[in-house]
Amino acid sequence: MKKIYLCVFGLICLIPLFSQVGINTKFPQGVFHVDPLGNTSSTGTAGFADDILVTKDGSIGIGTLNPSSHVHIDKGAANSFIRIEDTSEGTGDKFLASDSEGRGSWIPAITLNGKVYRMNSPGKTAVICNYNVNTVVPFNLVKEDNGTLSSNPTPGVLTIQADGTYVFNFRWWGSINGGTTVVADAFFTPKAYVRLYRITVSGGTPVISGNPVDEILVFDRVRTDVGTGTFRRSTFITSLYGVDLKKGDLYAITVTPADNSGITWQMGQSLAATQYTNIIYFPSVAVYNI
């Protein structure tokens, strides 16, 4: 008899045993199943919104009994599926980011902030940029998000809307006075520096100091017609960049002719009377973060 018992015991030991652990449930649906409310049906088709389950494959389901990945969370009617508090959450919208080892933390959300600055000249006066002089482009209008134009409180001042790195896409539209009369159609290539400065305002006027944040030397190919030499039309687009700019900082764009004292760059020169209030005949700049 003892031999029979020993044989039976040995056979039992050789048979693989599979067990399931159910906490607060009589019907575990996986190798480990927690049902806090104890309301999951015997078939697992209802009452599982509060459950935590580990399958035989090692997948974890929270709020679901059929995890489709290693960790599967179904938030159901909850406000959010996860909440992490580690003192980096702070106020405002945040993104969850990780380092090279996968450690996560909250970082400020990146929001797009931009303005388009335009100008015109209701007084029908031109702005003259003289040789080797930093002349601020007097943007007197701001294009709002809804497309309407409003007055820029201080013409020429570009106000940063939020911390970040910014692109200043500058479109020039003006004329160049070379003071030279030609006897045949010709092209010449005047040059000027386009610069971005951080500024202050004194008495309603932009004040430039220090070195430019960014600058570019522009060579603009311009045609002059027979018998003329003045007010040659000129247009181009270029970009300037500012890194780590701060909300509320003030900036300005300047144009500085670099040929000689006989060549000036001009905004709003020799326009028709109705053109002085039309923004398409003047420079503009789009300022936005990246």
Protein backbone atom coordinates (compact mmCIF):
# COMPACT_ATOMS: atom_id res chain seq x y z
CA MET A 1 0.00 0.00 0.00
CA LYS A 2 2.82 2.37 0.89
CA LYS A 3 4.36 1.71 -2.49
CA ILE A 4 1.07 2.63 -4.18
CA TYR A 5 0.85 5.91 -2.21
CA LEU A 6 4.43 6.76 -3.08
CA CYS A 7 3.83 6.09 -6.75
CA VAL A 8 0.70 8.24 -6.80
CA PHE A 9 2.50 11.04 -4.95
CA GLY A 10 5.37 10.85 -7.42
CA LEU A 11 3.02 11.07 -10.37
CA ILE A 12 1.33 14.14 -8.86
CA CYS A 13 4.69 15.82 -8.42
CA LEU A 14 5.44 15.28 -12.10
CA ILE A 15 2.19 16.93 -13.27
CA PRO A 16 2.56 20.77 -13.86
CA LEU A 17 0.28 22.75 -11.57
CA PHE A 18 -1.29 26.04 -12.70
CA SER A 19 -2.86 28.28 -10.08
CA GLN A 20 -4.65 31.61 -10.14
CA VAL A 21 -4.75 34.14 -7.33
CA GLY A 22 -7.90 36.15 -6.93
CA ILE A 23 -8.23 38.93 -4.36
CA ASN A 24 -11.81 39.85 -3.53
CA THR A 25 -13.03 37.70 -6.42
CA LYS A 26 -14.03 34.06 -6.76
CA PHE A 27 -13.48 34.16 -10.49
CA PRO A 28 -9.90 35.24 -11.26
CA GLN A 29 -9.43 35.87 -14.96
CA GLY A 30 -5.63 35.65 -14.89
CA VAL A 31 -2.74 34.42 -12.78
CA PHE A 32 -3.25 37.44 -10.49
CA HIS A 33 -6.54 39.31 -10.31
CA VAL A 34 -7.56 42.07 -7.88
CA ASP A 35 -11.20 43.16 -7.84
CA PRO A 36 -11.44 46.01 -5.28
CA LEU A 37 -15.23 46.31 -5.53
CA GLY A 38 -15.82 42.58 -5.84
CA ASN A 39 -18.26 43.12 -8.66
CA THR A 40 -16.63 41.40 -11.63
CA SER A 41 -18.93 38.82 -13.23
CA SER A 42 -17.94 35.16 -13.33
CA THR A 43 -17.36 35.43 -17.07
CA GLY A 44 -15.34 38.64 -16.77
CA THR A 45 -17.61 40.55 -19.12
CA ALA A 46 -18.77 43.20 -16.65
CA GLY A 47 -17.67 45.05 -13.53
CA PHE A 48 -13.93 45.13 -14.32
CA ALA A 49 -13.39 48.91 -14.57
CA ASP A 50 -11.69 48.91 -11.14
CA ASP A 51 -9.72 45.68 -11.61
CA ILE A 52 -6.01 44.94 -11.88
CA LEU A 53 -4.97 41.82 -13.78
CA VAL A 54 -1.75 39.98 -14.60
CA THR A 55 -2.01 37.48 -17.44
CA LYS A 56 -0.03 34.27 -17.89
CA ASP A 57 2.09 36.15 -20.46
CA GLY A 58 3.06 38.79 -17.90
CA SER A 59 0.92 41.60 -19.30
CA ILE A 60 -0.76 43.96 -16.85
CA GLY A 61 -4.25 45.30 -17.33
CA ILE A 62 -5.75 48.14 -15.30
CA GLY A 63 -9.43 48.66 -15.96
CA THR A 64 -9.32 45.90 -18.55
CA LEU A 65 -9.15 42.09 -18.41
CA ASN A 66 -7.71 41.79 -21.92
CA PRO A 67 -4.45 43.77 -21.97
CA SER A 68 -3.08 44.13 -25.49
CA SER A 69 0.39 45.31 -24.41
CA HIS A 70 2.74 44.87 -21.47
CA VAL A 71 0.86 47.62 -19.60
CA HIS A 72 -2.66 48.43 -20.75
CA ILE A 73 -4.69 51.07 -18.90
CA ASP A 74 -8.33 51.79 -19.69
CA LYS A 75 -9.34 54.92 -17.78
CA GLY A 76 -13.05 54.35 -18.32
CA ALA A 77 -15.04 57.18 -16.76
CA ALA A 78 -12.08 58.58 -14.79
CA ASN A 79 -10.82 62.10 -15.53
CA SER A 80 -7.40 60.81 -16.56
CA PHE A 81 -5.68 57.43 -16.81
CA ILE A 82 -2.56 58.39 -14.86
CA ARG A 83 -1.36 61.12 -12.51
CA ILE A 84 2.29 61.65 -11.63
CA GLU A 85 3.36 63.97 -8.82
CA ASP A 86 7.12 64.42 -8.45
CA THR A 87 7.36 68.23 -7.88
CA SER A 88 8.14 68.83 -11.58
CA GLU A 89 4.46 69.09 -12.54
CA GLY A 90 4.04 72.73 -11.40
CA THR A 91 1.38 74.92 -12.97
CA GLY A 92 0.26 75.14 -16.57
CA ASP A 93 0.32 72.51 -19.27
CA LYS A 94 3.27 70.08 -19.25
CA PHE A 95 4.70 67.28 -21.37
CA LEU A 96 6.01 64.02 -19.92
CA ALA A 97 9.57 63.52 -21.18
CA SER A 98 12.30 60.98 -20.47
CA ASP A 99 16.08 60.99 -20.34
CA SER A 100 18.40 58.52 -22.09
CA GLU A 101 17.71 55.90 -19.39
CA GLY A 102 13.93 56.23 -19.58
CA ARG A 103 13.47 58.25 -16.38
CA GLY A 104 10.46 60.48 -16.79
CA SER A 105 9.68 64.00 -15.61
CA TRP A 106 7.38 66.85 -16.55
CA ILE A 107 8.59 69.68 -18.80
CA PRO A 108 6.73 72.85 -19.87
CA ALA A 109 4.52 72.41 -22.92
CA ILE A 110 5.75 74.05 -26.10
CA THR A 111 3.18 76.51 -27.38
CA LEU A 112 3.36 78.35 -30.67
CA ASN A 113 3.51 82.10 -30.28
CA GLY A 114 3.76 84.46 -33.20
CA LYS A 115 2.92 87.88 -34.54
CA VAL A 116 3.09 89.52 -37.93
CA TYR A 117 4.20 93.16 -37.91
CA ARG A 118 3.33 95.42 -40.85
CA MET A 119 3.66 99.10 -41.61
CA ASN A 120 2.29 101.89 -43.75
CA SER A 121 2.67 105.66 -43.87
CA PRO A 122 -0.61 107.55 -43.42
CA GLY A 123 1.41 110.79 -43.33
CA LYS A 124 2.77 110.03 -46.82
CA THR A 125 6.37 110.37 -45.68
CA ALA A 126 9.26 108.10 -46.62
CA VAL A 127 11.72 106.50 -44.20
CA ILE A 128 15.31 106.95 -45.39
CA CYS A 129 18.05 104.49 -44.41
CA ASN A 130 21.40 106.25 -44.75
CA TYR A 131 24.84 104.73 -45.24
CA ASN A 132 26.32 103.10 -42.12
CA VAL A 133 23.35 104.14 -39.94
CA ASN A 134 21.16 101.55 -38.15
CA THR A 135 17.65 102.66 -39.08
CA VAL A 136 14.82 100.91 -37.22
CA VAL A 137 12.09 99.60 -39.51
CA PRO A 138 9.07 101.39 -37.98
CA PHE A 139 6.45 98.65 -37.95
CA ASN A 140 3.36 100.54 -36.79
CA LEU A 141 0.81 97.74 -37.20
CA VAL A 142 0.33 94.27 -35.68
CA LYS A 143 -1.68 91.52 -37.33
CA GLU A 144 -3.75 89.75 -34.69
CA ASP A 145 -4.62 86.05 -34.64
CA ASN A 146 -8.05 86.80 -36.12
CA GLY A 147 -6.44 88.55 -39.10
CA THR A 148 -7.25 92.12 -38.11
CA LEU A 149 -4.63 94.86 -37.97
CA SER A 150 -4.18 96.94 -34.85
CA SER A 151 -1.78 99.70 -33.94
CA ASN A 152 1.63 98.82 -32.56
CA PRO A 153 1.94 100.98 -29.41
CA THR A 154 5.58 101.82 -30.19
CA PRO A 155 6.35 101.65 -33.92
CA GLY A 156 9.32 99.41 -34.62
CA VAL A 157 9.12 97.44 -31.36
CA LEU A 158 8.73 93.66 -31.62
CA THR A 159 7.50 92.16 -28.34
CA ILE A 160 8.33 88.54 -27.45
CA GLN A 161 5.19 86.63 -26.42
CA ALA A 162 6.79 83.70 -24.53
CA ASP A 163 10.20 82.27 -23.64
CA GLY A 164 11.84 80.42 -26.51
CA THR A 165 13.91 80.48 -29.68
CA TYR A 166 12.47 82.69 -32.41
CA VAL A 167 12.64 83.17 -36.16
CA PHE A 168 12.16 86.64 -37.64
CA ASN A 169 11.15 86.29 -41.31
CA PHE A 170 11.78 89.75 -42.72
CA ARG A 171 10.28 90.85 -46.04
CA TRP A 172 11.71 94.03 -47.51
CA TRP A 173 9.73 96.13 -49.97
CA GLY A 174 11.13 99.54 -50.79
CA SER A 175 13.44 101.38 -53.14
CA ILE A 176 17.12 102.20 -53.49
CA ASN A 177 18.41 105.60 -54.55
CA GLY A 178 21.81 105.36 -56.21
CA GLY A 179 21.84 108.85 -57.64
CA THR A 180 23.22 107.60 -60.96
CA THR A 181 21.67 108.11 -64.38
CA VAL A 182 22.25 105.34 -66.90
CA VAL A 183 22.04 105.33 -70.69
CA ALA A 184 20.95 101.70 -71.02
CA ASP A 185 18.97 99.20 -69.01
CA ALA A 186 21.26 97.79 -66.34
CA PHE A 187 21.42 95.92 -63.06
CA PHE A 188 23.45 96.77 -60.01
CA THR A 189 23.79 95.04 -56.64
CA PRO A 190 23.64 97.33 -53.60
CA LYS A 191 24.19 95.80 -50.18
CA ALA A 192 22.90 96.44 -46.68
CA TYR A 193 23.02 94.84 -43.25
CA VAL A 194 19.73 93.62 -41.82
CA ARG A 195 20.14 93.32 -38.05
CA LEU A 196 18.15 92.18 -35.04
CA TYR A 197 18.71 94.12 -31.81
CA ARG A 198 17.39 93.85 -28.31
CA ILE A 199 16.21 97.34 -27.42
CA THR A 200 14.74 99.58 -24.78
CA VAL A 201 12.18 102.33 -25.29
CA SER A 202 12.73 105.93 -24.25
CA GLY A 203 10.13 108.60 -24.84
CA GLY A 204 8.23 106.34 -27.21
CA THR A 205 11.30 105.70 -29.36
CA PRO A 206 13.25 102.43 -29.73
CA VAL A 207 16.80 102.74 -28.37
CA ILE A 208 19.50 100.43 -29.76
CA SER A 209 22.50 99.43 -27.67
CA GLY A 210 25.12 96.68 -27.69
CA ASN A 211 25.77 94.15 -30.42
CA PRO A 212 23.10 92.70 -32.69
CA VAL A 213 21.50 89.41 -31.71
CA ASP A 214 21.77 88.35 -35.35
CA GLU A 215 22.64 90.00 -38.65
CA ILE A 216 22.91 89.23 -42.34
CA LEU A 217 24.53 91.12 -45.21
CA VAL A 218 22.06 91.29 -48.09
CA PHE A 219 23.06 91.84 -51.72
CA ASP A 220 19.97 92.92 -53.63
CA ARG A 221 20.08 92.82 -57.42
CA VAL A 222 18.16 95.85 -58.72
CA ARG A 223 17.28 96.98 -62.21
CA THR A 224 17.52 100.58 -63.30
CA ASP A 225 15.81 101.90 -66.41
CA VAL A 226 17.20 104.14 -69.12
CA GLY A 227 17.41 107.78 -68.17
CA THR A 228 16.82 107.17 -64.47
CA GLY A 229 18.93 106.32 -61.50
CA THR A 230 16.72 107.02 -58.55
CA PHE A 231 14.07 105.15 -56.59
CA ARG A 232 14.76 101.68 -57.98
CA ARG A 233 12.22 99.20 -56.58
CA SER A 234 13.67 96.48 -54.37
CA THR A 235 12.30 93.43 -52.59
CA PHE A 236 13.68 90.34 -50.85
CA ILE A 237 13.03 88.00 -47.92
CA THR A 238 15.55 86.93 -45.28
CA SER A 239 15.50 85.41 -41.79
CA LEU A 240 17.07 86.33 -38.47
CA TYR A 241 17.24 84.14 -35.36
CA GLY A 242 17.15 84.73 -31.62
CA VAL A 243 17.95 81.97 -29.11
CA ASP A 244 16.58 81.79 -25.55
CA LEU A 245 14.53 84.98 -25.81
CA LYS A 246 12.39 85.91 -22.82
CA LYS A 247 8.74 86.84 -22.60
CA GLY A 248 8.29 90.60 -22.63
CA ASP A 249 11.70 91.38 -24.15
CA LEU A 250 11.71 94.05 -26.84
CA TYR A 251 13.50 93.76 -30.18
CA ALA A 252 13.82 95.75 -33.40
CA ILE A 253 15.03 95.16 -36.95
CA THR A 254 17.34 97.68 -38.57
CA VAL A 255 18.48 98.26 -42.15
CA THR A 256 21.99 99.66 -42.64
CA PRO A 257 23.17 100.46 -46.21
CA ALA A 258 26.78 99.36 -46.68
CA ASP A 259 27.90 100.65 -50.10
CA ASN A 260 28.70 104.35 -49.77
CA SER A 261 27.12 107.60 -48.69
CA GLY A 262 25.65 108.08 -52.16
CA ILE A 263 23.29 105.11 -51.87
CA THR A 264 20.27 105.11 -49.57
CA TRP A 265 17.56 102.51 -48.96
CA GLN A 266 14.06 103.90 -48.65
CA MET A 267 10.65 102.82 -47.41
CA GLY A 268 7.56 104.52 -48.82
CA GLN A 269 9.34 106.64 -51.42
CA SER A 270 7.56 107.96 -54.53
CA LEU A 271 4.34 106.04 -53.98
CA ALA A 272 0.96 107.04 -55.33
CA ALA A 273 -1.23 108.83 -52.80
CA THR A 274 -3.44 105.78 -52.25
CA GLN A 275 -0.46 103.45 -51.81
CA TYR A 276 0.87 105.03 -48.61
CA THR A 277 -1.83 103.36 -46.52
CA ASN A 278 -1.49 99.98 -48.28
CA ILE A 279 0.72 97.59 -46.31
CA ILE A 280 1.84 95.63 -49.40
CA TYR A 281 4.14 98.52 -50.38
CA PHE A 282 6.11 98.36 -47.15
CA PRO A 283 8.28 95.86 -45.23
CA SER A 284 6.83 93.24 -42.88
CA VAL A 285 8.14 90.65 -40.44
CA ALA A 286 6.67 87.40 -39.10
CA VAL A 287 7.94 86.57 -35.60
CA TYR A 288 7.37 83.07 -34.22
CA ASN A 289 8.97 80.53 -31.89
CA ILE A 290 10.38 77.19 -32.99
